[in-house]
PDB file of N, CA and C in Angstrom:
ATOM      1  N   MET A   1       0.937  -1.114  -0.082  1.00  0.00           N
ATOM      2  CA  MET A   1       0.285  -0.003  -0.704  1.00  0.00           C
ATOM      3  C   MET A   1       0.787   1.419  -0.241  1.00  0.00           C
ATOM      4  N   SER A   2       0.629   1.846  -0.971  1.00  0.00           N
ATOM      5  CA  SER A   2       1.234   3.549  -0.904  1.00  0.00           C
ATOM      6  C   SER A   2       0.744   4.505   0.066  1.00  0.00           C
ATOM      7  N   LYS A   3       1.603   5.199   0.552  1.00  0.00           N
ATOM      8  CA  LYS A   3       0.899   6.352   1.265  1.00  0.00           C
ATOM      9  C   LYS A   3       0.858   7.594   0.255  1.00  0.00           C
ATOM     10  N   ALA A   4      -0.297   8.207   0.514  1.00  0.00           N
ATOM     11  CA  ALA A   4      -0.240   9.047  -0.487  1.00  0.00           C
ATOM     12  C   ALA A   4      -1.641  10.358   0.150  1.00  0.00           C
ATOM     13  N   VAL A   5      -1.209  12.000  -0.038  1.00  0.00           N
ATOM     14  CA  VAL A   5      -2.076  12.482   0.452  1.00  0.00           C
ATOM     15  C   VAL A   5      -2.817  13.279  -0.848  1.00  0.00           C
ATOM     16  N   GLU A   6      -4.406  13.229  -1.301  1.00  0.00           N
ATOM     17  CA  GLU A   6      -5.140  13.329  -2.519  1.00  0.00           C
ATOM     18  C   GLU A   6      -6.179  14.532  -1.758  1.00  0.00           C
ATOM     19  N   VAL A   7      -5.648  15.933  -2.555  1.00  0.00           N
ATOM     20  CA  VAL A   7      -6.986  16.839  -2.491  1.00  0.00           C
ATOM     21  C   VAL A   7      -7.414  16.855  -3.842  1.00  0.00           C
ATOM     22  N   GLU A   8      -8.638  17.224  -4.092  1.00  0.00           N
ATOM     23  CA  GLU A   8      -9.684  17.807  -4.955  1.00  0.00           C
ATOM     24  C   GLU A   8     -10.539  18.716  -4.911  1.00  0.00           C
ATOM     25  N   ASP A   9     -10.244  19.810  -5.533  1.00  0.00           N
ATOM     26  CA  ASP A   9     -11.021  21.036  -5.810  1.00  0.00           C
ATOM     27  C   ASP A   9     -11.145  22.022  -4.607  1.00  0.00           C
ATOM     28  N   LEU A  10      -9.762  22.040  -4.186  1.00  0.00           N
ATOM     29  CA  LEU A  10      -9.615  22.888  -2.832  1.00  0.00           C
ATOM     30  C   LEU A  10     -10.140  23.883  -3.119  1.00  0.00           C
ATOM     31  N   TYR A  11     -10.745  25.015  -2.360  1.00  0.00           N
ATOM     32  CA  TYR A  11     -11.031  26.452  -2.203  1.00  0.00           C
ATOM     33  C   TYR A  11     -10.202  27.004  -1.170  1.00  0.00           C
ATOM     34  N   PHE A  12     -10.113  28.057  -0.924  1.00  0.00           N
ATOM     35  CA  PHE A  12      -9.726  28.553   0.233  1.00  0.00           C
ATOM     36  C   PHE A  12      -9.789  29.732   0.438  1.00  0.00           C
ATOM     37  N   THR A  13     -10.345  30.925   0.751  1.00  0.00           N
ATOM     38  CA  THR A  13     -10.642  32.270   1.233  1.00  0.00           C
ATOM     39  C   THR A  13     -10.329  32.211   2.259  1.00  0.00           C
ATOM     40  N   TYR A  14      -9.664  33.751   2.870  1.00  0.00           N
ATOM     41  CA  TYR A  14      -8.899  34.322   3.937  1.00  0.00           C
ATOM     42  C   TYR A  14      -9.985  34.949   4.648  1.00  0.00           C
ATOM     43  N   LEU A  15     -10.153  35.341   6.105  1.00  0.00           N
ATOM     44  CA  LEU A  15     -11.019  35.500   6.605  1.00  0.00           C
ATOM     45  C   LEU A  15     -11.203  37.399   6.090  1.00  0.00           C
ATOM     46  N   GLY A  16     -12.404  37.634   6.056  1.00  0.00           N
ATOM     47  CA  GLY A  16     -12.805  39.073   5.720  1.00  0.00           C
ATOM     48  C   GLY A  16     -12.158  39.363   4.106  1.00  0.00           C
ATOM     49  N   SER A  17     -11.918  38.148   3.208  1.00  0.00           N
ATOM     50  CA  SER A  17     -11.653  38.526   2.185  1.00  0.00           C
ATOM     51  C   SER A  17     -13.299  38.044   1.222  1.00  0.00           C
ATOM     52  N   ARG A  18     -13.197  38.612  -0.036  1.00  0.00           N
ATOM     53  CA  ARG A  18     -14.584  38.302  -0.703  1.00  0.00           C
ATOM     54  C   ARG A  18     -14.256  37.291  -1.537  1.00  0.00           C
ATOM     55  N   ARG A  19     -13.195  37.011  -2.236  1.00  0.00           N
ATOM     56  CA  ARG A  19     -12.472  36.422  -2.900  1.00  0.00           C
ATOM     57  C   ARG A  19     -11.770  35.147  -2.334  1.00  0.00           C
ATOM     58  N   PRO A  20     -11.674  34.242  -2.588  1.00  0.00           N
ATOM     59  CA  PRO A  20     -11.267  32.947  -2.451  1.00  0.00           C
ATOM     60  C   PRO A  20      -9.484  33.220  -3.295  1.00  0.00           C
ATOM     61  N   SER A  21      -8.379  32.839  -2.172  1.00  0.00           N
ATOM     62  CA  SER A  21      -6.909  33.182  -3.010  1.00  0.00           C
ATOM     63  C   SER A  21      -6.733  31.445  -3.423  1.00  0.00           C
ATOM     64  N   LEU A  22      -7.382  30.430  -2.979  1.00  0.00           N
ATOM     65  CA  LEU A  22      -7.566  29.524  -3.835  1.00  0.00           C
ATOM     66  C   LEU A  22      -8.278  28.782  -4.196  1.00  0.00           C
ATOM     67  N   ARG A  23      -8.634  28.574  -5.787  1.00  0.00           N
ATOM     68  CA  ARG A  23      -9.564  28.188  -6.438  1.00  0.00           C
ATOM     69  C   ARG A  23      -9.600  26.655  -7.236  1.00  0.00           C
ATOM     70  N   GLY A  24     -10.117  25.566  -6.790  1.00  0.00           N
ATOM     71  CA  GLY A  24     -10.170  24.343  -7.370  1.00  0.00           C
ATOM     72  C   GLY A  24      -8.840  23.568  -7.507  1.00  0.00           C
ATOM     73  N   VAL A  25      -8.381  23.846  -6.867  1.00  0.00           N
ATOM     74  CA  VAL A  25      -7.133  22.866  -6.668  1.00  0.00           C
ATOM     75  C   VAL A  25      -6.945  21.341  -6.494  1.00  0.00           C
ATOM     76  N   SER A  26      -6.486  20.619  -7.281  1.00  0.00           N
ATOM     77  CA  SER A  26      -6.436  19.445  -6.728  1.00  0.00           C
ATOM     78  C   SER A  26      -4.907  19.022  -7.263  1.00  0.00           C
ATOM     79  N   PHE A  27      -4.216  18.077  -6.279  1.00  0.00           N
ATOM     80  CA  PHE A  27      -3.160  17.439  -6.784  1.00  0.00           C
ATOM     81  C   PHE A  27      -2.725  16.254  -5.875  1.00  0.00           C
ATOM     82  N   THR A  28      -2.256  15.370  -6.032  1.00  0.00           N
ATOM     83  CA  THR A  28      -1.943  13.978  -5.294  1.00  0.00           C
ATOM     84  C   THR A  28      -0.448  13.910  -4.832  1.00  0.00           C
ATOM     85  N   LEU A  29      -0.187  13.881  -3.655  1.00  0.00           N
ATOM     86  CA  LEU A  29       1.400  13.569  -3.089  1.00  0.00           C
ATOM     87  C   LEU A  29       1.691  12.610  -2.619  1.00  0.00           C
ATOM     88  N   ASP A  30       2.538  11.562  -3.904  1.00  0.00           N
ATOM     89  CA  ASP A  30       2.806  10.014  -2.731  1.00  0.00           C
ATOM     90  C   ASP A  30       3.834  10.338  -1.809  1.00  0.00           C
ATOM     91  N   GLU A  31       4.151   9.344  -1.130  1.00  0.00           N
ATOM     92  CA  GLU A  31       5.443   9.459  -0.628  1.00  0.00           C
ATOM     93  C   GLU A  31       6.617   9.883  -1.011  1.00  0.00           C
ATOM     94  N   GLY A  32       7.182  11.054  -0.252  1.00  0.00           N
ATOM     95  CA  GLY A  32       8.504  11.411  -0.844  1.00  0.00           C
ATOM     96  C   GLY A  32       8.601  12.657  -1.639  1.00  0.00           C
ATOM     97  N   GLU A  33       7.039  13.090  -2.329  1.00  0.00           N
ATOM     98  CA  GLU A  33       7.173  14.164  -2.683  1.00  0.00           C
ATOM     99  C   GLU A  33       7.124  15.105  -1.831  1.00  0.00           C
ATOM    100  N   THR A  34       6.996  16.164  -2.814  1.00  0.00           N
ATOM    101  CA  THR A  34       6.745  17.458  -2.279  1.00  0.00           C
ATOM    102  C   THR A  34       6.194  18.311  -3.182  1.00  0.00           C
ATOM    103  N   LEU A  35       5.513  19.452  -2.571  1.00  0.00           N
ATOM    104  CA  LEU A  35       4.561  20.620  -3.407  1.00  0.00           C
ATOM    105  C   LEU A  35       4.945  21.978  -3.175  1.00  0.00           C
ATOM    106  N   LEU A  36       4.932  22.398  -4.340  1.00  0.00           N
ATOM    107  CA  LEU A  36       5.683  23.856  -4.176  1.00  0.00           C
ATOM    108  C   LEU A  36       4.698  25.038  -5.106  1.00  0.00           C
ATOM    109  N   ILE A  37       4.155  25.869  -4.052  1.00  0.00           N
ATOM    110  CA  ILE A  37       3.199  27.010  -4.556  1.00  0.00           C
ATOM    111  C   ILE A  37       4.075  28.336  -4.863  1.00  0.00           C
ATOM    112  N   VAL A  38       3.959  28.616  -6.008  1.00  0.00           N
ATOM    113  CA  VAL A  38       4.486  29.883  -6.233  1.00  0.00           C
ATOM    114  C   VAL A  38       3.455  31.195  -6.725  1.00  0.00           C
ATOM    115  N   GLY A  39       3.710  32.329  -6.232  1.00  0.00           N
ATOM    116  CA  GLY A  39       3.121  33.383  -6.913  1.00  0.00           C
ATOM    117  C   GLY A  39       3.494  34.504  -6.385  1.00  0.00           C
ATOM    118  N   PRO A  40       2.857  35.787  -7.122  1.00  0.00           N
ATOM    119  CA  PRO A  40       3.458  36.661  -6.627  1.00  0.00           C
ATOM    120  C   PRO A  40       3.213  37.258  -4.986  1.00  0.00           C
ATOM    121  N   SER A  41       3.708  38.264  -4.933  1.00  0.00           N
ATOM    122  CA  SER A  41       3.494  38.921  -3.455  1.00  0.00           C
ATOM    123  C   SER A  41       2.377  39.157  -3.239  1.00  0.00           C
ATOM    124  N   GLY A  42       1.807  38.885  -2.262  1.00  0.00           N
ATOM    125  CA  GLY A  42       0.399  39.131  -2.006  1.00  0.00           C
ATOM    126  C   GLY A  42      -0.798  38.366  -2.675  1.00  0.00           C
ATOM    127  N   ALA A  43      -0.159  37.517  -3.036  1.00  0.00           N
ATOM    128  CA  ALA A  43      -1.132  36.539  -3.446  1.00  0.00           C
ATOM    129  C   ALA A  43      -2.058  35.474  -2.895  1.00  0.00           C
ATOM    130  N   GLY A  44      -1.248  35.300  -1.875  1.00  0.00           N
ATOM    131  CA  GLY A  44      -1.915  34.383  -0.597  1.00  0.00           C
ATOM    132  C   GLY A  44      -1.388  32.763  -0.539  1.00  0.00           C
ATOM    133  N   LYS A  45       0.089  33.302  -0.638  1.00  0.00           N
ATOM    134  CA  LYS A  45       0.740  31.508  -0.564  1.00  0.00           C
ATOM    135  C   LYS A  45       0.813  31.194   0.785  1.00  0.00           C
ATOM    136  N   SER A  46       0.829  32.071   1.885  1.00  0.00           N
ATOM    137  CA  SER A  46       0.937  31.745   3.081  1.00  0.00           C
ATOM    138  C   SER A  46       0.150  31.115   3.688  1.00  0.00           C
TER     139      SER A  46
END
């Protein structure tokens, strides 16, 4: 059995914001894999 994390159609909105910072994000990470989120300053990566 392989260990994995699967995320489907993730949305995230910061408290007080009208628009989600993340919209429809989907991914699968297998054991040992990493995920990098990149974008401009102020885009909500934190």
